[in-house]
Amino acid sequence: MCTVGGPIADVDIKKLKTKKYRCLDCGNEFKGIGKKVICPSCQSGNVEEV
């Protein structure tokens, strides 16, 4: 996390609402957050929500 200009954000990572995704290139299943989710294994943006 970037902390320039202020204190560290008090965010509980475990409470964030993640969605489950599957990579259509390598088949990896993982949890992700955001609008532009990429596969952590192969860095592909070709993913679908499971």
Protein backbone atom coordinates (compact mmCIF):
# COMPACT_ATOMS: atom_id res chain seq x y z
CA MET A 1 0.00 0.00 0.00
CA CYS A 2 1.12 3.52 -0.66
CA THR A 3 1.48 5.59 2.49
CA VAL A 4 2.78 8.86 1.06
CA GLY A 5 0.96 11.86 2.50
CA GLY A 6 -0.98 10.09 5.20
CA PRO A 7 -1.28 7.20 7.61
CA ILE A 8 -1.65 3.61 6.53
CA ALA A 9 -5.28 2.83 5.72
CA ASP A 10 -6.94 0.69 8.35
CA VAL A 11 -8.35 -1.94 6.00
CA ASP A 12 -9.14 -5.49 7.06
CA ILE A 13 -8.27 -7.50 3.94
CA LYS A 14 -10.32 -10.49 5.13
CA LYS A 15 -13.53 -8.39 5.20
CA LEU A 16 -13.26 -7.19 1.59
CA LYS A 17 -15.85 -8.67 -0.76
CA THR A 18 -13.92 -10.86 -3.17
CA LYS A 19 -15.31 -12.73 -6.14
CA LYS A 20 -14.14 -16.07 -7.47
CA TYR A 21 -12.66 -16.12 -10.97
CA ARG A 22 -11.35 -18.70 -13.45
CA CYS A 23 -8.64 -17.96 -15.99
CA LEU A 24 -9.72 -19.03 -19.46
CA ASP A 25 -6.09 -19.36 -20.59
CA CYS A 26 -4.50 -21.53 -17.87
CA GLY A 27 -7.55 -22.76 -15.90
CA ASN A 28 -6.40 -21.30 -12.56
CA GLU A 29 -9.18 -20.47 -10.06
CA PHE A 30 -8.63 -17.57 -7.67
CA LYS A 31 -10.33 -14.78 -5.73
CA GLY A 32 -10.10 -11.20 -6.94
CA ILE A 33 -11.27 -7.63 -6.39
CA GLY A 34 -11.75 -4.79 -8.82
CA LYS A 35 -12.77 -4.06 -12.37
CA LYS A 36 -9.62 -5.29 -14.14
CA VAL A 37 -8.87 -8.70 -12.66
CA ILE A 38 -5.82 -10.58 -13.92
CA CYS A 39 -4.74 -14.14 -13.29
CA PRO A 40 -2.00 -14.33 -10.65
CA SER A 41 -0.47 -17.38 -12.37
CA CYS A 42 -0.14 -16.32 -16.01
CA GLN A 43 -0.97 -12.57 -15.84
CA SER A 44 -3.79 -12.98 -18.39
CA GLY A 45 -6.82 -10.69 -18.36
CA ASN A 46 -8.93 -13.41 -20.00
CA VAL A 47 -10.91 -14.38 -16.87
CA GLU A 48 -14.52 -15.13 -16.03
CA GLU A 49 -16.43 -14.91 -12.78
CA VAL A 50 -17.35 -18.32 -11.39
